[in-house]
Every structure is written in structure tokens, then in C-alpha cells.
Amino acid sequence: MSGLGILFDVIISVLIVIGASFALIGSWGMVRLPTLMERLHGPTKATTLGLGGMLVGSMLYFMLGEGQWALHELLISLFLFITAPISANMIAKVHLHELRTQGDDAVAGPAGRPAAPSDKANWATYEAPHADSVAATSES
């Protein structure tokens, strides 16, 4: 085996081991952390990075070792890196909304109001549209 082949094997092995370590730490954090907002960090940050590292290592193995392009690993990595932050944001918003509807402003904080009142300014608040707003009249 040539020196370059050994270097490729070491790089691939390091990517897979580091990726597996991140995935293990992220999964462990999801199980062990006490609250939903803290548990959200495990799968969205560490586990996503770990799976990305393992998939890149797998992609390099098939590309350099087997001579085949493994594009599906790259597509899976891109899908994970795009969807994990979006799903974490949605889960966090639902959790904060649930806390606010239960009256727990100590944890979630009061629902913010836009600086300038207008019909289009309340699209991201947790309140229902006012009866005379554009959003309320267009839904009915």
C-alpha cells in the first residue's frame, strides 16, 4: 500500500471516528439533559455534525477506495444540514408558545410587540390576528 493510500485511509478513519464520537455525544446529551430546550441541542448540533462527518468519510471511502461516486451520501448530508436547524427552530417556537399560553412568562418571556404597529407586523407573534387586520379578514 502506498503512502498516499495510507494517508487516505487515516483521513477516512478520522472522519468516521470523530463523526461517531459527535453522534454519540449528541445522543447522550439528548437523553441526559433535563429540559426540552437543552435537549434540543444534542440532535441538532452534535449529532448532525457527527452524521455529516461519517457520511463524508463514507463518501471519500467509496470515491478514493472503490472508485465509485457516492452522491447519495452528499445529498443526505446536505438534507441534514438544511433541515436540522429549521426543525429545531420550529420545535423551540412551539415550546415557547406552549409556555406562553400556560402563562409561564418567567421562562418564555412576554410575547414581544412590533415596534411600529401595522397589519403586516404581527406575522411572527404568538397572538391571533386582530379582527380588523388583513390576516383575519383574508382567512375567513
C-alpha atoms as a PDB file:
ATOM      1  CA  MET A   1       0.000   0.000   0.000  1.00  0.00           C
ATOM      2  CA  SER A   2       1.402   3.384  -0.963  1.00  0.00           C
ATOM      3  CA  GLY A   3       1.925   6.311   1.390  1.00  0.00           C
ATOM      4  CA  LEU A   4      -0.913   8.200  -0.265  1.00  0.00           C
ATOM      5  CA  GLY A   5      -3.281   5.263   0.244  1.00  0.00           C
ATOM      6  CA  ILE A   6      -2.388   5.117   3.926  1.00  0.00           C
ATOM      7  CA  LEU A   7      -2.979   8.867   4.244  1.00  0.00           C
ATOM      8  CA  PHE A   8      -6.430   8.494   2.647  1.00  0.00           C
ATOM      9  CA  ASP A   9      -7.257   5.612   4.993  1.00  0.00           C
ATOM     10  CA  VAL A  10      -6.200   7.675   8.006  1.00  0.00           C
ATOM     11  CA  ILE A  11      -8.287  10.673   6.883  1.00  0.00           C
ATOM     12  CA  ILE A  12     -11.338   8.484   6.268  1.00  0.00           C
ATOM     13  CA  SER A  13     -10.887   6.707   9.614  1.00  0.00           C
ATOM     14  CA  VAL A  14     -10.506  10.007  11.483  1.00  0.00           C
ATOM     15  CA  LEU A  15     -13.668  11.408   9.868  1.00  0.00           C
ATOM     16  CA  ILE A  16     -15.672   8.306  10.775  1.00  0.00           C
ATOM     17  CA  VAL A  17     -14.355   8.134  14.362  1.00  0.00           C
ATOM     18  CA  ILE A  18     -14.869  11.859  15.006  1.00  0.00           C
ATOM     19  CA  GLY A  19     -18.309  11.688  13.411  1.00  0.00           C
ATOM     20  CA  ALA A  20     -19.272   8.691  15.528  1.00  0.00           C
ATOM     21  CA  SER A  21     -17.994  10.491  18.647  1.00  0.00           C
ATOM     22  CA  PHE A  22     -20.102  13.568  17.898  1.00  0.00           C
ATOM     23  CA  ALA A  23     -23.147  11.406  17.217  1.00  0.00           C
ATOM     24  CA  LEU A  24     -22.657   9.542  20.488  1.00  0.00           C
ATOM     25  CA  ILE A  25     -22.180  12.749  22.497  1.00  0.00           C
ATOM     26  CA  GLY A  26     -25.223  14.362  20.858  1.00  0.00           C
ATOM     27  CA  SER A  27     -27.390  11.324  21.514  1.00  0.00           C
ATOM     28  CA  TRP A  28     -26.192  11.139  25.092  1.00  0.00           C
ATOM     29  CA  GLY A  29     -26.962  14.843  25.559  1.00  0.00           C
ATOM     30  CA  MET A  30     -30.465  14.340  24.224  1.00  0.00           C
ATOM     31  CA  VAL A  31     -31.110  11.628  26.793  1.00  0.00           C
ATOM     32  CA  ARG A  32     -29.377  13.215  29.784  1.00  0.00           C
ATOM     33  CA  LEU A  33     -30.196  16.940  29.598  1.00  0.00           C
ATOM     34  CA  PRO A  34     -33.151  17.970  31.765  1.00  0.00           C
ATOM     35  CA  THR A  35     -35.343  20.334  29.724  1.00  0.00           C
ATOM     36  CA  LEU A  36     -36.671  20.325  26.185  1.00  0.00           C
ATOM     37  CA  MET A  37     -34.748  23.433  25.189  1.00  0.00           C
ATOM     38  CA  GLU A  38     -31.488  21.909  26.431  1.00  0.00           C
ATOM     39  CA  ARG A  39     -32.235  18.512  24.860  1.00  0.00           C
ATOM     40  CA  LEU A  40     -32.788  20.237  21.535  1.00  0.00           C
ATOM     41  CA  HIS A  41     -29.066  21.000  21.213  1.00  0.00           C
ATOM     42  CA  GLY A  42     -27.953  17.350  21.186  1.00  0.00           C
ATOM     43  CA  PRO A  43     -29.584  16.165  17.977  1.00  0.00           C
ATOM     44  CA  THR A  44     -29.500  19.484  16.159  1.00  0.00           C
ATOM     45  CA  LYS A  45     -25.855  20.334  16.656  1.00  0.00           C
ATOM     46  CA  ALA A  46     -23.621  17.465  17.734  1.00  0.00           C
ATOM     47  CA  THR A  47     -25.499  14.583  16.145  1.00  0.00           C
ATOM     48  CA  THR A  48     -25.967  16.414  12.857  1.00  0.00           C
ATOM     49  CA  LEU A  49     -22.259  17.229  12.734  1.00  0.00           C
ATOM     50  CA  GLY A  50     -21.418  13.633  13.634  1.00  0.00           C
ATOM     51  CA  LEU A  51     -23.630  12.150  10.941  1.00  0.00           C
ATOM     52  CA  GLY A  52     -22.217  14.640   8.450  1.00  0.00           C
ATOM     53  CA  GLY A  53     -18.661  13.576   9.324  1.00  0.00           C
ATOM     54  CA  MET A  54     -19.494   9.889   8.981  1.00  0.00           C
ATOM     55  CA  LEU A  55     -21.261  10.455   5.666  1.00  0.00           C
ATOM     56  CA  VAL A  56     -18.340  12.493   4.284  1.00  0.00           C
ATOM     57  CA  GLY A  57     -15.946   9.743   5.417  1.00  0.00           C
ATOM     58  CA  SER A  58     -18.119   7.159   3.683  1.00  0.00           C
ATOM     59  CA  MET A  59     -18.276   9.280   0.550  1.00  0.00           C
ATOM     60  CA  LEU A  60     -14.462   9.620   0.495  1.00  0.00           C
ATOM     61  CA  TYR A  61     -14.039   5.874   1.044  1.00  0.00           C
ATOM     62  CA  PHE A  62     -16.181   4.980  -1.932  1.00  0.00           C
ATOM     63  CA  MET A  63     -14.668   7.730  -4.082  1.00  0.00           C
ATOM     64  CA  LEU A  64     -10.987   7.070  -3.251  1.00  0.00           C
ATOM     65  CA  GLY A  65     -11.021   3.391  -2.277  1.00  0.00           C
ATOM     66  CA  GLU A  66     -13.614   1.887  -4.578  1.00  0.00           C
ATOM     67  CA  GLY A  67     -13.515   4.390  -7.430  1.00  0.00           C
ATOM     68  CA  GLN A  68     -17.272   4.996  -7.306  1.00  0.00           C
ATOM     69  CA  TRP A  69     -19.045   8.283  -6.823  1.00  0.00           C
ATOM     70  CA  ALA A  70     -21.396   8.077  -3.867  1.00  0.00           C
ATOM     71  CA  LEU A  71     -23.508  11.141  -4.395  1.00  0.00           C
ATOM     72  CA  HIS A  72     -26.327   9.971  -2.134  1.00  0.00           C
ATOM     73  CA  GLU A  73     -24.118  10.486   0.973  1.00  0.00           C
ATOM     74  CA  LEU A  74     -23.553  14.095  -0.050  1.00  0.00           C
ATOM     75  CA  LEU A  75     -27.276  14.602  -0.614  1.00  0.00           C
ATOM     76  CA  ILE A  76     -28.099  13.091   2.790  1.00  0.00           C
ATOM     77  CA  SER A  77     -25.537  15.410   4.443  1.00  0.00           C
ATOM     78  CA  LEU A  78     -26.982  18.460   2.713  1.00  0.00           C
ATOM     79  CA  PHE A  79     -30.508  17.425   3.682  1.00  0.00           C
ATOM     80  CA  LEU A  80     -29.462  17.020   7.336  1.00  0.00           C
ATOM     81  CA  PHE A  81     -27.640  20.358   7.466  1.00  0.00           C
ATOM     82  CA  ILE A  82     -30.613  22.156   5.916  1.00  0.00           C
ATOM     83  CA  THR A  83     -33.459  20.512   7.841  1.00  0.00           C
ATOM     84  CA  ALA A  84     -31.959  20.200  11.357  1.00  0.00           C
ATOM     85  CA  PRO A  85     -31.844  23.954  12.114  1.00  0.00           C
ATOM     86  CA  ILE A  86     -35.301  24.519  10.642  1.00  0.00           C
ATOM     87  CA  SER A  87     -36.880  21.711  12.656  1.00  0.00           C
ATOM     88  CA  ALA A  88     -35.084  22.860  15.832  1.00  0.00           C
ATOM     89  CA  ASN A  89     -36.399  26.387  15.302  1.00  0.00           C
ATOM     90  CA  MET A  90     -39.952  25.107  14.858  1.00  0.00           C
ATOM     91  CA  ILE A  91     -39.730  22.875  17.944  1.00  0.00           C
ATOM     92  CA  ALA A  92     -38.387  25.789  20.017  1.00  0.00           C
ATOM     93  CA  LYS A  93     -41.140  28.120  18.773  1.00  0.00           C
ATOM     94  CA  VAL A  94     -43.849  25.597  19.637  1.00  0.00           C
ATOM     95  CA  HIS A  95     -42.345  25.063  23.075  1.00  0.00           C
ATOM     96  CA  LEU A  96     -42.173  28.811  23.793  1.00  0.00           C
ATOM     97  CA  HIS A  97     -45.711  29.273  22.506  1.00  0.00           C
ATOM     98  CA  GLU A  98     -46.940  26.497  24.790  1.00  0.00           C
ATOM     99  CA  LEU A  99     -45.197  28.091  27.774  1.00  0.00           C
ATOM    100  CA  ARG A 100     -46.706  31.480  26.955  1.00  0.00           C
ATOM    101  CA  THR A 101     -50.225  30.087  26.598  1.00  0.00           C
ATOM    102  CA  GLN A 102     -49.851  28.460  30.011  1.00  0.00           C
ATOM    103  CA  GLY A 103     -48.877  31.861  31.454  1.00  0.00           C
ATOM    104  CA  ASP A 104     -45.252  30.964  32.179  1.00  0.00           C
ATOM    105  CA  ASP A 105     -43.630  34.272  31.180  1.00  0.00           C
ATOM    106  CA  ALA A 106     -40.725  33.664  33.583  1.00  0.00           C
ATOM    107  CA  VAL A 107     -39.239  31.063  31.238  1.00  0.00           C
ATOM    108  CA  ALA A 108     -40.534  32.133  27.843  1.00  0.00           C
ATOM    109  CA  GLY A 109     -40.651  35.882  28.423  1.00  0.00           C
ATOM    110  CA  PRO A 110     -43.566  38.045  27.448  1.00  0.00           C
ATOM    111  CA  ALA A 111     -44.685  37.953  23.850  1.00  0.00           C
ATOM    112  CA  GLY A 112     -42.965  40.827  22.099  1.00  0.00           C
ATOM    113  CA  ARG A 113     -44.783  43.539  20.257  1.00  0.00           C
ATOM    114  CA  PRO A 114     -43.547  45.038  16.995  1.00  0.00           C
ATOM    115  CA  ALA A 115     -42.018  48.482  17.253  1.00  0.00           C
ATOM    116  CA  ALA A 116     -44.338  50.017  14.657  1.00  0.00           C
ATOM    117  CA  PRO A 117     -47.951  48.793  14.702  1.00  0.00           C
ATOM    118  CA  SER A 118     -49.224  47.737  11.323  1.00  0.00           C
ATOM    119  CA  ASP A 119     -51.260  44.927   9.872  1.00  0.00           C
ATOM    120  CA  LYS A 120     -48.172  43.199   8.466  1.00  0.00           C
ATOM    121  CA  ALA A 121     -46.061  43.488  11.622  1.00  0.00           C
ATOM    122  CA  ASN A 122     -47.741  40.722  13.639  1.00  0.00           C
ATOM    123  CA  TRP A 123     -46.877  37.809  11.367  1.00  0.00           C
ATOM    124  CA  ALA A 124     -44.299  36.347  13.796  1.00  0.00           C
ATOM    125  CA  THR A 125     -46.043  36.986  17.098  1.00  0.00           C
ATOM    126  CA  TYR A 126     -47.934  34.381  19.074  1.00  0.00           C
ATOM    127  CA  GLU A 127     -51.180  36.320  19.103  1.00  0.00           C
ATOM    128  CA  ALA A 128     -54.193  35.655  16.950  1.00  0.00           C
ATOM    129  CA  PRO A 129     -54.765  38.319  14.296  1.00  0.00           C
ATOM    130  CA  HIS A 130     -56.935  41.200  15.387  1.00  0.00           C
ATOM    131  CA  ALA A 131     -60.466  41.155  13.994  1.00  0.00           C
ATOM    132  CA  ASP A 132     -59.903  44.119  11.670  1.00  0.00           C
ATOM    133  CA  SER A 133     -56.463  43.145  10.375  1.00  0.00           C
ATOM    134  CA  VAL A 134     -55.654  41.964   6.863  1.00  0.00           C
ATOM    135  CA  ALA A 135     -54.722  38.471   8.119  1.00  0.00           C
ATOM    136  CA  ALA A 136     -58.049  37.992   9.919  1.00  0.00           C
ATOM    137  CA  THR A 137     -60.182  39.177   7.025  1.00  0.00           C
ATOM    138  CA  SER A 138     -58.278  37.114   4.400  1.00  0.00           C
ATOM    139  CA  GLU A 139     -58.656  33.834   6.354  1.00  0.00           C
ATOM    140  CA  SER A 140     -62.440  33.946   6.588  1.00  0.00           C
END
